[in-house]
């Protein structure tokens, strides 16, 4: 394998690892949001006054925040699907090296 091809392959591998980390972090963030909302809902149902007191001091996440996180995760996953094609990914990596 030529040095240039090996460098391109290394860059593609490196980019793939970074993209996989981003995808995992996005999924983790979405999952954590679900857990947070479940717990906030449980707190509100069991101890509404405590929930209200916390809500007065802390800006708790809203349903819109959760929708934004979910949409972000879905949109990110859609674009990352395209980058699983190594040739497609390498086109963008090659542009960076120019």
N, C-alpha and C. Protein backbone atom coordinates (compact mmCIF):
# COMPACT_ATOMS: atom_id res chain seq x y z
N UNK A 1 0.85 -1.17 0.00
CA UNK A 1 0.00 0.00 0.00
C UNK A 1 0.89 1.23 0.00
N UNK A 2 0.60 2.17 -0.87
CA UNK A 2 1.42 3.37 -0.95
C UNK A 2 1.23 4.21 0.31
N UNK A 3 2.20 5.06 0.54
CA UNK A 3 2.17 5.92 1.73
C UNK A 3 0.94 6.82 1.71
N UNK A 4 0.61 7.35 0.53
CA UNK A 4 -0.55 8.24 0.40
C UNK A 4 -1.85 7.51 0.69
N UNK A 5 -1.98 6.28 0.18
CA UNK A 5 -3.20 5.50 0.43
C UNK A 5 -3.29 5.12 1.90
N UNK A 6 -2.15 4.78 2.51
CA UNK A 6 -2.15 4.42 3.92
C UNK A 6 -2.55 5.62 4.77
N UNK A 7 -2.07 6.80 4.41
CA UNK A 7 -2.44 8.02 5.15
C UNK A 7 -3.93 8.30 5.01
N UNK A 8 -4.47 8.12 3.80
CA UNK A 8 -5.90 8.32 3.57
C UNK A 8 -6.71 7.31 4.37
N UNK A 9 -6.24 6.06 4.38
CA UNK A 9 -6.92 5.01 5.13
C UNK A 9 -6.88 5.32 6.63
N UNK A 10 -5.74 5.78 7.12
CA UNK A 10 -5.62 6.15 8.54
C UNK A 10 -6.57 7.29 8.88
N UNK A 11 -6.66 8.27 7.99
CA UNK A 11 -7.55 9.41 8.23
C UNK A 11 -9.01 8.95 8.25
N UNK A 12 -9.36 8.06 7.33
CA UNK A 12 -10.72 7.53 7.28
C UNK A 12 -11.02 6.74 8.54
N UNK A 13 -10.09 5.91 8.97
CA UNK A 13 -10.28 5.14 10.21
C UNK A 13 -10.44 6.07 11.42
N UNK A 14 -9.60 7.09 11.48
CA UNK A 14 -9.65 8.05 12.58
C UNK A 14 -10.99 8.78 12.59
N UNK A 15 -11.43 9.26 11.43
CA UNK A 15 -12.71 9.96 11.33
C UNK A 15 -13.85 9.03 11.72
N UNK A 16 -13.78 7.78 11.31
CA UNK A 16 -14.84 6.81 11.64
C UNK A 16 -14.93 6.62 13.15
N UNK A 17 -13.80 6.51 13.81
CA UNK A 17 -13.79 6.35 15.27
C UNK A 17 -14.43 7.57 15.95
N UNK A 18 -14.07 8.76 15.48
CA UNK A 18 -14.63 9.98 16.06
C UNK A 18 -16.14 10.04 15.83
N UNK A 19 -16.58 9.71 14.61
CA UNK A 19 -18.01 9.72 14.31
C UNK A 19 -18.77 8.71 15.16
N UNK A 20 -18.17 7.55 15.39
CA UNK A 20 -18.81 6.54 16.24
C UNK A 20 -18.93 7.04 17.67
N UNK A 21 -17.92 7.74 18.15
CA UNK A 21 -17.98 8.31 19.51
C UNK A 21 -19.09 9.35 19.60
N UNK A 22 -19.20 10.18 18.58
CA UNK A 22 -20.25 11.20 18.56
C UNK A 22 -21.62 10.55 18.56
N UNK A 23 -21.78 9.51 17.74
CA UNK A 23 -23.06 8.81 17.66
C UNK A 23 -23.42 8.18 19.01
N UNK A 24 -22.44 7.57 19.66
CA UNK A 24 -22.69 6.96 20.96
C UNK A 24 -23.05 8.02 22.00
N UNK A 25 -22.32 9.12 22.00
CA UNK A 25 -22.60 10.19 22.97
C UNK A 25 -24.00 10.77 22.75
N UNK A 26 -24.39 10.92 21.50
CA UNK A 26 -25.73 11.43 21.20
C UNK A 26 -26.80 10.46 21.70
N UNK A 27 -26.61 9.18 21.49
CA UNK A 27 -27.54 8.18 22.00
C UNK A 27 -27.59 8.16 23.51
N UNK A 28 -26.41 8.28 24.13
CA UNK A 28 -26.35 8.33 25.59
C UNK A 28 -27.09 9.56 26.13
N UNK A 29 -26.89 10.70 25.47
CA UNK A 29 -27.57 11.93 25.88
C UNK A 29 -29.09 11.77 25.81
N UNK A 30 -29.57 11.18 24.72
CA UNK A 30 -31.01 10.95 24.56
C UNK A 30 -31.50 10.02 25.67
N UNK A 31 -30.77 8.95 25.93
CA UNK A 31 -31.17 8.00 26.98
C UNK A 31 -31.18 8.66 28.35
N UNK A 32 -30.18 9.48 28.63
CA UNK A 32 -30.11 10.16 29.92
C UNK A 32 -31.27 11.14 30.06
N UNK A 33 -31.63 11.80 28.98
CA UNK A 33 -32.79 12.70 29.02
C UNK A 33 -34.06 11.94 29.39
N UNK A 34 -34.24 10.75 28.80
CA UNK A 34 -35.41 9.93 29.14
C UNK A 34 -35.42 9.59 30.63
N UNK A 35 -34.27 9.19 31.14
CA UNK A 35 -34.17 8.84 32.56
C UNK A 35 -34.45 10.06 33.43
N UNK A 36 -33.88 11.20 33.05
CA UNK A 36 -34.11 12.43 33.80
C UNK A 36 -35.60 12.77 33.83
N UNK A 37 -36.26 12.70 32.67
CA UNK A 37 -37.69 13.02 32.62
C UNK A 37 -38.52 12.03 33.42
N UNK A 38 -38.18 10.77 33.37
CA UNK A 38 -38.90 9.78 34.17
C UNK A 38 -38.80 10.12 35.66
N UNK A 39 -37.60 10.49 36.09
CA UNK A 39 -37.41 10.83 37.50
C UNK A 39 -38.08 12.14 37.88
N UNK A 40 -38.03 13.12 36.99
CA UNK A 40 -38.72 14.38 37.27
C UNK A 40 -40.22 14.17 37.35
N UNK A 41 -40.76 13.36 36.45
CA UNK A 41 -42.19 13.06 36.49
C UNK A 41 -42.56 12.32 37.77
N UNK A 42 -41.72 11.38 38.19
CA UNK A 42 -41.97 10.65 39.43
C UNK A 42 -41.94 11.59 40.63
N UNK A 43 -40.98 12.52 40.62
CA UNK A 43 -40.90 13.50 41.70
C UNK A 43 -42.15 14.37 41.73
N UNK A 44 -42.57 14.83 40.55
CA UNK A 44 -43.77 15.68 40.47
C UNK A 44 -45.01 14.94 40.96
N UNK A 45 -45.14 13.68 40.56
CA UNK A 45 -46.31 12.89 40.96
C UNK A 45 -46.32 12.59 42.45
N UNK A 46 -45.16 12.30 43.00
CA UNK A 46 -45.09 11.91 44.42
C UNK A 46 -44.95 13.10 45.36
N UNK A 47 -44.22 14.11 44.93
CA UNK A 47 -43.93 15.25 45.80
C UNK A 47 -44.03 16.55 45.01
N UNK A 48 -45.23 16.94 44.64
CA UNK A 48 -45.40 18.11 43.78
C UNK A 48 -44.84 19.41 44.38
N UNK A 49 -44.93 19.57 45.69
CA UNK A 49 -44.39 20.80 46.30
C UNK A 49 -42.87 20.83 46.22
N UNK A 50 -42.25 19.70 46.42
CA UNK A 50 -40.79 19.62 46.29
C UNK A 50 -40.37 19.93 44.85
N UNK A 51 -41.10 19.35 43.91
CA UNK A 51 -40.83 19.62 42.49
C UNK A 51 -40.96 21.11 42.20
N UNK A 52 -42.02 21.74 42.69
CA UNK A 52 -42.25 23.17 42.44
C UNK A 52 -41.13 24.01 43.04
N UNK A 53 -40.67 23.63 44.23
CA UNK A 53 -39.58 24.37 44.87
C UNK A 53 -38.30 24.27 44.03
N UNK A 54 -37.99 23.09 43.58
CA UNK A 54 -36.80 22.92 42.73
C UNK A 54 -36.97 23.71 41.44
N UNK A 55 -38.16 23.65 40.87
CA UNK A 55 -38.44 24.33 39.61
C UNK A 55 -38.34 25.86 39.75
N UNK A 56 -38.56 26.38 40.94
CA UNK A 56 -38.43 27.82 41.17
C UNK A 56 -36.97 28.26 41.13
N UNK A 57 -36.08 27.37 41.51
CA UNK A 57 -34.66 27.71 41.59
C UNK A 57 -33.88 27.27 40.35
N UNK A 58 -34.26 26.14 39.81
CA UNK A 58 -33.53 25.54 38.69
C UNK A 58 -34.44 25.53 37.46
N UNK A 59 -33.89 25.93 36.34
CA UNK A 59 -34.66 25.84 35.10
C UNK A 59 -34.64 24.38 34.65
N UNK A 60 -35.70 23.68 34.95
CA UNK A 60 -35.79 22.26 34.59
C UNK A 60 -36.03 22.13 33.08
N UNK A 61 -35.55 21.04 32.51
CA UNK A 61 -35.78 20.85 31.07
C UNK A 61 -37.26 20.72 30.76
N UNK A 62 -37.60 21.17 29.59
CA UNK A 62 -39.00 21.15 29.15
C UNK A 62 -39.20 20.01 28.14
N UNK A 63 -40.47 19.79 27.80
CA UNK A 63 -40.77 18.81 26.75
C UNK A 63 -40.11 19.22 25.44
N UNK A 64 -40.05 20.52 25.18
CA UNK A 64 -39.40 21.00 23.96
C UNK A 64 -37.91 20.66 23.96
N UNK A 65 -37.27 20.74 25.12
CA UNK A 65 -35.86 20.35 25.23
C UNK A 65 -35.69 18.88 24.87
N UNK A 66 -36.57 18.06 25.39
CA UNK A 66 -36.50 16.62 25.11
C UNK A 66 -36.73 16.34 23.63
N UNK A 67 -37.68 17.06 23.04
CA UNK A 67 -37.94 16.89 21.61
C UNK A 67 -36.72 17.31 20.80
N UNK A 68 -36.09 18.40 21.20
CA UNK A 68 -34.88 18.86 20.50
C UNK A 68 -33.76 17.83 20.56
N UNK A 69 -33.57 17.24 21.73
CA UNK A 69 -32.53 16.21 21.90
C UNK A 69 -32.85 15.00 21.04
N UNK A 70 -34.11 14.59 21.03
CA UNK A 70 -34.52 13.43 20.23
C UNK A 70 -34.35 13.72 18.75
N UNK A 71 -34.76 14.91 18.31
CA UNK A 71 -34.60 15.28 16.90
C UNK A 71 -33.13 15.34 16.51
N UNK A 72 -32.32 15.93 17.38
CA UNK A 72 -30.88 16.00 17.12
C UNK A 72 -30.31 14.60 16.93
N UNK A 73 -30.67 13.68 17.81
CA UNK A 73 -30.16 12.32 17.73
C UNK A 73 -30.60 11.64 16.42
N UNK A 74 -31.86 11.82 16.05
CA UNK A 74 -32.36 11.22 14.82
C UNK A 74 -31.68 11.80 13.59
N UNK A 75 -31.55 13.12 13.54
CA UNK A 75 -30.91 13.77 12.40
C UNK A 75 -29.43 13.40 12.31
N UNK A 76 -28.77 13.34 13.45
CA UNK A 76 -27.37 12.95 13.47
C UNK A 76 -27.21 11.53 12.95
N UNK A 77 -28.05 10.62 13.41
CA UNK A 77 -27.97 9.24 12.96
C UNK A 77 -28.20 9.12 11.46
N UNK A 78 -29.09 9.95 10.92
CA UNK A 78 -29.35 9.92 9.47
C UNK A 78 -28.10 10.30 8.68
N UNK A 79 -27.44 11.39 9.07
CA UNK A 79 -26.26 11.82 8.32
C UNK A 79 -25.09 10.86 8.55
N UNK A 80 -24.99 10.32 9.75
CA UNK A 80 -23.88 9.40 10.01
C UNK A 80 -24.02 8.10 9.22
N UNK A 81 -25.24 7.73 8.87
CA UNK A 81 -25.45 6.54 8.02
C UNK A 81 -24.72 6.72 6.69
N UNK A 82 -24.76 7.93 6.13
CA UNK A 82 -24.08 8.19 4.86
C UNK A 82 -22.57 8.02 5.00
N UNK A 83 -22.05 8.43 6.14
CA UNK A 83 -20.59 8.37 6.34
C UNK A 83 -20.09 6.97 6.66
N UNK A 84 -20.98 6.01 6.81
CA UNK A 84 -20.54 4.63 6.99
C UNK A 84 -19.98 4.07 5.69
N UNK A 85 -20.35 4.70 4.57
CA UNK A 85 -19.77 4.36 3.27
C UNK A 85 -18.38 5.00 3.22
N UNK A 86 -17.36 4.17 3.25
CA UNK A 86 -15.98 4.65 3.35
C UNK A 86 -15.61 5.56 2.19
N UNK A 87 -16.09 5.26 1.01
CA UNK A 87 -15.77 6.10 -0.15
C UNK A 87 -16.41 7.49 0.00
N UNK A 88 -17.64 7.52 0.44
CA UNK A 88 -18.34 8.78 0.66
C UNK A 88 -17.61 9.60 1.74
N UNK A 89 -17.24 8.95 2.81
CA UNK A 89 -16.52 9.60 3.90
C UNK A 89 -15.19 10.15 3.41
N UNK A 90 -14.48 9.35 2.63
CA UNK A 90 -13.15 9.77 2.18
C UNK A 90 -13.22 11.00 1.28
N UNK A 91 -14.34 11.20 0.59
CA UNK A 91 -14.48 12.41 -0.23
C UNK A 91 -14.40 13.66 0.64
N UNK A 92 -14.98 13.63 1.82
CA UNK A 92 -14.96 14.78 2.71
C UNK A 92 -13.63 14.92 3.42
N UNK A 93 -12.99 13.82 3.69
CA UNK A 93 -11.68 13.87 4.32
C UNK A 93 -10.66 14.43 3.33
N UNK A 94 -10.77 13.99 2.07
CA UNK A 94 -9.84 14.47 1.05
C UNK A 94 -9.98 15.97 0.84
N UNK A 95 -11.19 16.51 0.96
CA UNK A 95 -11.41 17.94 0.82
C UNK A 95 -10.69 18.71 1.93
N UNK A 96 -10.63 18.14 3.12
CA UNK A 96 -9.96 18.79 4.24
C UNK A 96 -8.45 18.88 4.01
N UNK A 97 -7.91 17.92 3.31
CA UNK A 97 -6.47 17.86 3.12
C UNK A 97 -6.00 18.76 1.99
N UNK A 98 -6.93 19.30 1.20
CA UNK A 98 -6.54 20.17 0.09
C UNK A 98 -6.13 21.54 0.55
